[in-house]
Amino acid sequence: MSELLYIKTSANGTRSRSSQLCEHFIRQHVQANPETRVIQRDLVGAPLPHLGPEQWDALRLPPTELSEAQLAYRRQSDRLIAEFDRADRVVIALPLYNAGIPSQLKAYFDLLARAGISFEFTEQGPRGLLRDKDLYLIATRGGVLDSADDHQVPAVKQLLGLIGITRIHTLIADGLDLSPDSRELSLTTAYERLAALA
């Protein structure tokens, strides 16, 4: 049995187009690969703590110097890293909020990217320590961005590269709020590409 980890990040609930696209892809993938077990990590329904001084120390100081709350945060990081590393495939829903990624996803990456655990520093730069895998990055945007203004997809790819993930399959559905025609064309194209990926 293979395991697929679905990371849900949208604050828009059932109206979320990134979630709708991801869930369509997952249904098709499971239909083609019925042995797949799907694990959902809903970062909005079950939000993670954002990084602050207590959390910063929790991931860096020796366990003997930590409070119970800090130890719990550290254990949460351990569980998330193990869950991500164990998955054979990962699907990330990636809406664009105010020119960047959802803060819930950044909080997740702050727990996932740990020096000495999921990556290490070398003379040649950081090296990822997690098992590489197929990762499907499904991004949605209301408008259309030039590559120079894209702080959504490149930022996530950089964070994934830090921990060792290089097999990234990216789908961007953009222009979703420009007009009904633009939305229909973008979503139709996206669903066709997802069918091929699944």
C-alpha atoms as a PDB file:
ATOM      1  CA  MET A   1       0.000   0.000   0.000  1.00  0.00           C
ATOM      2  CA  SER A   2       1.273   3.458  -0.911  1.00  0.00           C
ATOM      3  CA  GLU A   3       0.562   6.593   1.080  1.00  0.00           C
ATOM      4  CA  LEU A   4      -0.478   9.994  -0.282  1.00  0.00           C
ATOM      5  CA  LEU A   5      -0.277  13.023   2.013  1.00  0.00           C
ATOM      6  CA  TYR A   6      -2.683  15.844   1.142  1.00  0.00           C
ATOM      7  CA  ILE A   7      -1.800  19.229   2.666  1.00  0.00           C
ATOM      8  CA  LYS A   8      -4.845  21.496   2.646  1.00  0.00           C
ATOM      9  CA  THR A   9      -4.122  25.199   3.169  1.00  0.00           C
ATOM     10  CA  SER A  10      -7.102  27.255   2.011  1.00  0.00           C
ATOM     11  CA  ALA A  11      -9.090  29.486   4.362  1.00  0.00           C
ATOM     12  CA  ASN A  12     -11.964  29.498   1.842  1.00  0.00           C
ATOM     13  CA  GLY A  13     -13.602  26.254   2.968  1.00  0.00           C
ATOM     14  CA  THR A  14     -15.666  24.321   0.429  1.00  0.00           C
ATOM     15  CA  ARG A  15     -15.432  27.276  -2.016  1.00  0.00           C
ATOM     16  CA  SER A  16     -11.670  26.850  -2.285  1.00  0.00           C
ATOM     17  CA  ARG A  17     -10.620  26.236  -5.855  1.00  0.00           C
ATOM     18  CA  SER A  18      -7.192  24.934  -4.835  1.00  0.00           C
ATOM     19  CA  SER A  19      -8.891  22.343  -2.612  1.00  0.00           C
ATOM     20  CA  GLN A  20     -11.388  21.406  -5.333  1.00  0.00           C
ATOM     21  CA  LEU A  21      -8.588  20.835  -7.834  1.00  0.00           C
ATOM     22  CA  CYS A  22      -6.529  18.816  -5.363  1.00  0.00           C
ATOM     23  CA  GLU A  23      -9.448  16.645  -4.335  1.00  0.00           C
ATOM     24  CA  HIS A  24     -10.356  16.000  -7.978  1.00  0.00           C
ATOM     25  CA  PHE A  25      -6.768  14.930  -8.641  1.00  0.00           C
ATOM     26  CA  ILE A  26      -6.705  12.682  -5.555  1.00  0.00           C
ATOM     27  CA  ARG A  27      -9.973  10.966  -6.513  1.00  0.00           C
ATOM     28  CA  GLN A  28      -8.594  10.207  -9.964  1.00  0.00           C
ATOM     29  CA  HIS A  29      -5.282   9.029  -8.564  1.00  0.00           C
ATOM     30  CA  VAL A  30      -6.968   6.684  -6.078  1.00  0.00           C
ATOM     31  CA  GLN A  31      -9.240   5.335  -8.800  1.00  0.00           C
ATOM     32  CA  ALA A  32      -6.153   4.488 -10.871  1.00  0.00           C
ATOM     33  CA  ASN A  33      -4.205   3.288  -7.804  1.00  0.00           C
ATOM     34  CA  PRO A  34      -6.763   1.765  -5.404  1.00  0.00           C
ATOM     35  CA  GLU A  35      -4.077   0.603  -2.969  1.00  0.00           C
ATOM     36  CA  THR A  36      -3.367   4.260  -2.090  1.00  0.00           C
ATOM     37  CA  ARG A  37      -4.019   5.400   1.470  1.00  0.00           C
ATOM     38  CA  VAL A  38      -4.804   9.133   1.712  1.00  0.00           C
ATOM     39  CA  ILE A  39      -3.726  11.127   4.780  1.00  0.00           C
ATOM     40  CA  GLN A  40      -5.136  14.664   5.018  1.00  0.00           C
ATOM     41  CA  ARG A  41      -3.350  17.410   6.920  1.00  0.00           C
ATOM     42  CA  ASP A  42      -5.777  20.360   7.159  1.00  0.00           C
ATOM     43  CA  LEU A  43      -3.697  23.357   8.214  1.00  0.00           C
ATOM     44  CA  VAL A  44      -6.756  25.615   8.543  1.00  0.00           C
ATOM     45  CA  GLY A  45      -9.058  23.194  10.355  1.00  0.00           C
ATOM     46  CA  ALA A  46      -6.216  22.212  12.703  1.00  0.00           C
ATOM     47  CA  PRO A  47      -3.823  25.178  12.624  1.00  0.00           C
ATOM     48  CA  LEU A  48      -0.233  24.914  13.790  1.00  0.00           C
ATOM     49  CA  PRO A  49       1.432  27.447  16.097  1.00  0.00           C
ATOM     50  CA  HIS A  50       3.300  30.206  14.342  1.00  0.00           C
ATOM     51  CA  LEU A  51       6.955  30.734  15.098  1.00  0.00           C
ATOM     52  CA  GLY A  52       7.836  32.871  18.128  1.00  0.00           C
ATOM     53  CA  PRO A  53      10.672  32.946  20.694  1.00  0.00           C
ATOM     54  CA  GLU A  54       9.339  29.911  22.601  1.00  0.00           C
ATOM     55  CA  GLN A  55       8.941  27.865  19.428  1.00  0.00           C
ATOM     56  CA  TRP A  56      12.321  28.983  18.097  1.00  0.00           C
ATOM     57  CA  ASP A  57      14.080  27.695  21.224  1.00  0.00           C
ATOM     58  CA  ALA A  58      11.985  24.499  21.248  1.00  0.00           C
ATOM     59  CA  LEU A  59      13.550  23.366  17.970  1.00  0.00           C
ATOM     60  CA  ARG A  60      17.111  24.376  18.805  1.00  0.00           C
ATOM     61  CA  LEU A  61      17.888  23.978  22.514  1.00  0.00           C
ATOM     62  CA  PRO A  62      18.625  20.639  24.246  1.00  0.00           C
ATOM     63  CA  PRO A  63      15.421  18.925  25.480  1.00  0.00           C
ATOM     64  CA  THR A  64      16.579  19.255  29.090  1.00  0.00           C
ATOM     65  CA  GLU A  65      16.303  23.047  28.792  1.00  0.00           C
ATOM     66  CA  LEU A  66      12.735  23.063  27.453  1.00  0.00           C
ATOM     67  CA  SER A  67       9.371  23.564  29.133  1.00  0.00           C
ATOM     68  CA  GLU A  68       6.562  21.036  28.713  1.00  0.00           C
ATOM     69  CA  ALA A  69       4.910  23.297  26.132  1.00  0.00           C
ATOM     70  CA  GLN A  70       8.156  23.524  24.173  1.00  0.00           C
ATOM     71  CA  LEU A  71       8.656  19.760  24.314  1.00  0.00           C
ATOM     72  CA  ALA A  72       5.133  19.307  22.946  1.00  0.00           C
ATOM     73  CA  TYR A  73       5.942  21.672  20.054  1.00  0.00           C
ATOM     74  CA  ARG A  74       9.137  19.750  19.348  1.00  0.00           C
ATOM     75  CA  ARG A  75       7.267  16.424  19.355  1.00  0.00           C
ATOM     76  CA  GLN A  76       4.734  17.944  16.952  1.00  0.00           C
ATOM     77  CA  SER A  77       7.585  18.817  14.610  1.00  0.00           C
ATOM     78  CA  ASP A  78       8.936  15.254  14.897  1.00  0.00           C
ATOM     79  CA  ARG A  79       5.513  13.815  13.982  1.00  0.00           C
ATOM     80  CA  LEU A  80       5.049  16.115  10.981  1.00  0.00           C
ATOM     81  CA  ILE A  81       8.522  15.323   9.629  1.00  0.00           C
ATOM     82  CA  ALA A  82       7.905  11.583  10.021  1.00  0.00           C
ATOM     83  CA  GLU A  83       4.487  11.869   8.341  1.00  0.00           C
ATOM     84  CA  PHE A  84       5.909  13.803   5.395  1.00  0.00           C
ATOM     85  CA  ASP A  85       8.929  11.523   5.015  1.00  0.00           C
ATOM     86  CA  ARG A  86       6.800   8.355   5.174  1.00  0.00           C
ATOM     87  CA  ALA A  87       4.439   9.483   2.379  1.00  0.00           C
ATOM     88  CA  ASP A  88       5.129   8.145  -1.095  1.00  0.00           C
ATOM     89  CA  ARG A  89       3.424  11.163  -2.712  1.00  0.00           C
ATOM     90  CA  VAL A  90       2.429  14.594  -1.458  1.00  0.00           C
ATOM     91  CA  VAL A  91      -0.239  16.949  -2.795  1.00  0.00           C
ATOM     92  CA  ILE A  92      -0.191  20.594  -1.658  1.00  0.00           C
ATOM     93  CA  ALA A  93      -3.095  22.970  -2.246  1.00  0.00           C
ATOM     94  CA  LEU A  94      -1.570  26.415  -2.749  1.00  0.00           C
ATOM     95  CA  PRO A  95      -3.845  29.460  -2.996  1.00  0.00           C
ATOM     96  CA  LEU A  96      -2.316  32.917  -3.383  1.00  0.00           C
ATOM     97  CA  TYR A  97      -3.080  35.338  -0.548  1.00  0.00           C
ATOM     98  CA  ASN A  98      -1.916  38.949  -0.774  1.00  0.00           C
ATOM     99  CA  ALA A  99       0.981  38.089  -3.092  1.00  0.00           C
ATOM    100  CA  GLY A 100       2.242  35.221  -0.911  1.00  0.00           C
ATOM    101  CA  ILE A 101       1.567  31.768   0.486  1.00  0.00           C
ATOM    102  CA  PRO A 102      -0.923  31.139   3.323  1.00  0.00           C
ATOM    103  CA  SER A 103       0.610  31.780   6.742  1.00  0.00           C
ATOM    104  CA  GLN A 104      -0.662  28.351   7.836  1.00  0.00           C
ATOM    105  CA  LEU A 105       1.602  26.716   5.234  1.00  0.00           C
ATOM    106  CA  LYS A 106       4.577  28.798   6.382  1.00  0.00           C
ATOM    107  CA  ALA A 107       3.950  27.616   9.967  1.00  0.00           C
ATOM    108  CA  TYR A 108       3.971  24.042   8.651  1.00  0.00           C
ATOM    109  CA  PHE A 109       7.281  24.539   6.851  1.00  0.00           C
ATOM    110  CA  ASP A 110       8.778  26.122   9.987  1.00  0.00           C
ATOM    111  CA  LEU A 111       8.064  22.822  11.768  1.00  0.00           C
ATOM    112  CA  LEU A 112       9.145  20.687   8.809  1.00  0.00           C
ATOM    113  CA  ALA A 113      12.484  22.334   7.983  1.00  0.00           C
ATOM    114  CA  ARG A 114      14.852  21.613  10.889  1.00  0.00           C
ATOM    115  CA  ALA A 115      18.623  21.801  10.656  1.00  0.00           C
ATOM    116  CA  GLY A 116      20.157  18.433  11.483  1.00  0.00           C
ATOM    117  CA  ILE A 117      16.831  16.626  11.080  1.00  0.00           C
ATOM    118  CA  SER A 118      15.331  17.364   7.663  1.00  0.00           C
ATOM    119  CA  PHE A 119      18.296  19.257   6.191  1.00  0.00           C
ATOM    120  CA  GLU A 120      21.925  19.935   7.010  1.00  0.00           C
ATOM    121  CA  PHE A 121      24.396  22.683   6.254  1.00  0.00           C
ATOM    122  CA  THR A 122      27.420  21.736   4.125  1.00  0.00           C
ATOM    123  CA  GLU A 123      30.260  23.668   2.521  1.00  0.00           C
ATOM    124  CA  GLN A 124      28.311  23.467  -0.745  1.00  0.00           C
ATOM    125  CA  GLY A 125      25.147  24.832   0.885  1.00  0.00           C
ATOM    126  CA  PRO A 126      22.115  23.207   2.517  1.00  0.00           C
ATOM    127  CA  ARG A 127      21.428  19.542   1.741  1.00  0.00           C
ATOM    128  CA  GLY A 128      18.008  17.951   2.184  1.00  0.00           C
ATOM    129  CA  LEU A 129      17.779  14.826   4.334  1.00  0.00           C
ATOM    130  CA  LEU A 130      14.227  13.678   3.588  1.00  0.00           C
ATOM    131  CA  ARG A 131      13.302  11.000   1.055  1.00  0.00           C
ATOM    132  CA  ASP A 132      12.643  12.493  -2.377  1.00  0.00           C
ATOM    133  CA  LYS A 133       9.201  11.775  -3.836  1.00  0.00           C
ATOM    134  CA  ASP A 134       6.642  12.975  -6.351  1.00  0.00           C
ATOM    135  CA  LEU A 135       5.080  16.145  -5.019  1.00  0.00           C
ATOM    136  CA  TYR A 136       2.120  17.802  -6.742  1.00  0.00           C
ATOM    137  CA  LEU A 137       1.926  21.544  -6.189  1.00  0.00           C
ATOM    138  CA  ILE A 138      -1.517  22.773  -7.263  1.00  0.00           C
ATOM    139  CA  ALA A 139      -1.618  26.575  -7.204  1.00  0.00           C
ATOM    140  CA  THR A 140      -4.524  28.952  -7.803  1.00  0.00           C
ATOM    141  CA  ARG A 141      -4.558  32.705  -8.442  1.00  0.00           C
ATOM    142  CA  GLY A 142      -7.254  35.255  -9.035  1.00  0.00           C
ATOM    143  CA  GLY A 143      -5.060  37.182 -11.449  1.00  0.00           C
ATOM    144  CA  VAL A 144      -2.005  36.539 -13.608  1.00  0.00           C
ATOM    145  CA  LEU A 145       1.565  37.070 -12.382  1.00  0.00           C
ATOM    146  CA  ASP A 146       4.805  37.785 -14.187  1.00  0.00           C
ATOM    147  CA  SER A 147       7.570  35.443 -13.061  1.00  0.00           C
ATOM    148  CA  ALA A 148       9.351  38.355 -11.344  1.00  0.00           C
ATOM    149  CA  ASP A 149       6.274  38.967  -9.178  1.00  0.00           C
ATOM    150  CA  ASP A 150       5.684  35.319  -8.278  1.00  0.00           C
ATOM    151  CA  HIS A 151       6.275  34.890  -4.539  1.00  0.00           C
ATOM    152  CA  GLN A 152       3.994  31.860  -4.384  1.00  0.00           C
ATOM    153  CA  VAL A 153       5.314  28.867  -6.329  1.00  0.00           C
ATOM    154  CA  PRO A 154       9.075  29.690  -6.264  1.00  0.00           C
ATOM    155  CA  ALA A 155       8.949  30.218  -2.486  1.00  0.00           C
ATOM    156  CA  VAL A 156       7.390  26.805  -1.893  1.00  0.00           C
ATOM    157  CA  LYS A 157       9.778  25.103  -4.320  1.00  0.00           C
ATOM    158  CA  GLN A 158      12.711  26.653  -2.469  1.00  0.00           C
ATOM    159  CA  LEU A 159      11.416  25.379   0.886  1.00  0.00           C
ATOM    160  CA  LEU A 160      10.834  21.917  -0.558  1.00  0.00           C
ATOM    161  CA  GLY A 161      14.289  21.873  -2.123  1.00  0.00           C
ATOM    162  CA  LEU A 162      15.775  22.702   1.258  1.00  0.00           C
ATOM    163  CA  ILE A 163      14.503  19.407   2.707  1.00  0.00           C
ATOM    164  CA  GLY A 164      15.391  17.345  -0.363  1.00  0.00           C
ATOM    165  CA  ILE A 165      12.263  17.318  -2.533  1.00  0.00           C
ATOM    166  CA  THR A 166      13.094  17.766  -6.216  1.00  0.00           C
ATOM    167  CA  ARG A 167      10.405  15.796  -8.107  1.00  0.00           C
ATOM    168  CA  ILE A 168       7.864  18.624  -8.079  1.00  0.00           C
ATOM    169  CA  HIS A 169       4.959  18.646 -10.533  1.00  0.00           C
ATOM    170  CA  THR A 170       3.429  22.125 -10.700  1.00  0.00           C
ATOM    171  CA  LEU A 171       0.004  23.127 -11.940  1.00  0.00           C
ATOM    172  CA  ILE A 172      -1.081  26.784 -11.877  1.00  0.00           C
ATOM    173  CA  ALA A 173      -4.699  27.802 -12.481  1.00  0.00           C
ATOM    174  CA  ASP A 174      -4.622  31.587 -12.827  1.00  0.00           C
ATOM    175  CA  GLY A 175      -6.876  34.394 -14.016  1.00  0.00           C
ATOM    176  CA  LEU A 176      -9.701  32.871 -11.968  1.00  0.00           C
ATOM    177  CA  ASP A 177     -11.191  36.227 -10.960  1.00  0.00           C
ATOM    178  CA  LEU A 178     -10.591  38.187 -14.162  1.00  0.00           C
ATOM    179  CA  SER A 179     -13.794  37.161 -15.932  1.00  0.00           C
ATOM    180  CA  PRO A 180     -16.143  34.159 -16.211  1.00  0.00           C
ATOM    181  CA  ASP A 181     -14.513  33.194 -19.514  1.00  0.00           C
ATOM    182  CA  SER A 182     -11.020  33.399 -18.062  1.00  0.00           C
ATOM    183  CA  ARG A 183     -12.067  31.283 -15.063  1.00  0.00           C
ATOM    184  CA  GLU A 184     -13.738  28.637 -17.221  1.00  0.00           C
ATOM    185  CA  LEU A 185     -10.770  28.345 -19.571  1.00  0.00           C
ATOM    186  CA  SER A 186      -8.244  28.147 -16.735  1.00  0.00           C
ATOM    187  CA  LEU A 187     -10.194  25.517 -14.777  1.00  0.00           C
ATOM    188  CA  THR A 188     -10.914  23.420 -17.878  1.00  0.00           C
ATOM    189  CA  THR A 189      -7.201  23.402 -18.730  1.00  0.00           C
ATOM    190  CA  ALA A 190      -6.314  22.593 -15.122  1.00  0.00           C
ATOM    191  CA  TYR A 191      -8.677  19.616 -14.936  1.00  0.00           C
ATOM    192  CA  GLU A 192      -7.282  18.249 -18.205  1.00  0.00           C
ATOM    193  CA  ARG A 193      -3.727  18.494 -16.918  1.00  0.00           C
ATOM    194  CA  LEU A 194      -4.676  16.903 -13.600  1.00  0.00           C
ATOM    195  CA  ALA A 195      -6.235  13.965 -15.401  1.00  0.00           C
ATOM    196  CA  ALA A 196      -2.940  13.404 -17.207  1.00  0.00           C
ATOM    197  CA  LEU A 197      -0.949  13.684 -13.965  1.00  0.00           C
ATOM    198  CA  ALA A 198      -3.250  11.312 -12.068  1.00  0.00           C
END
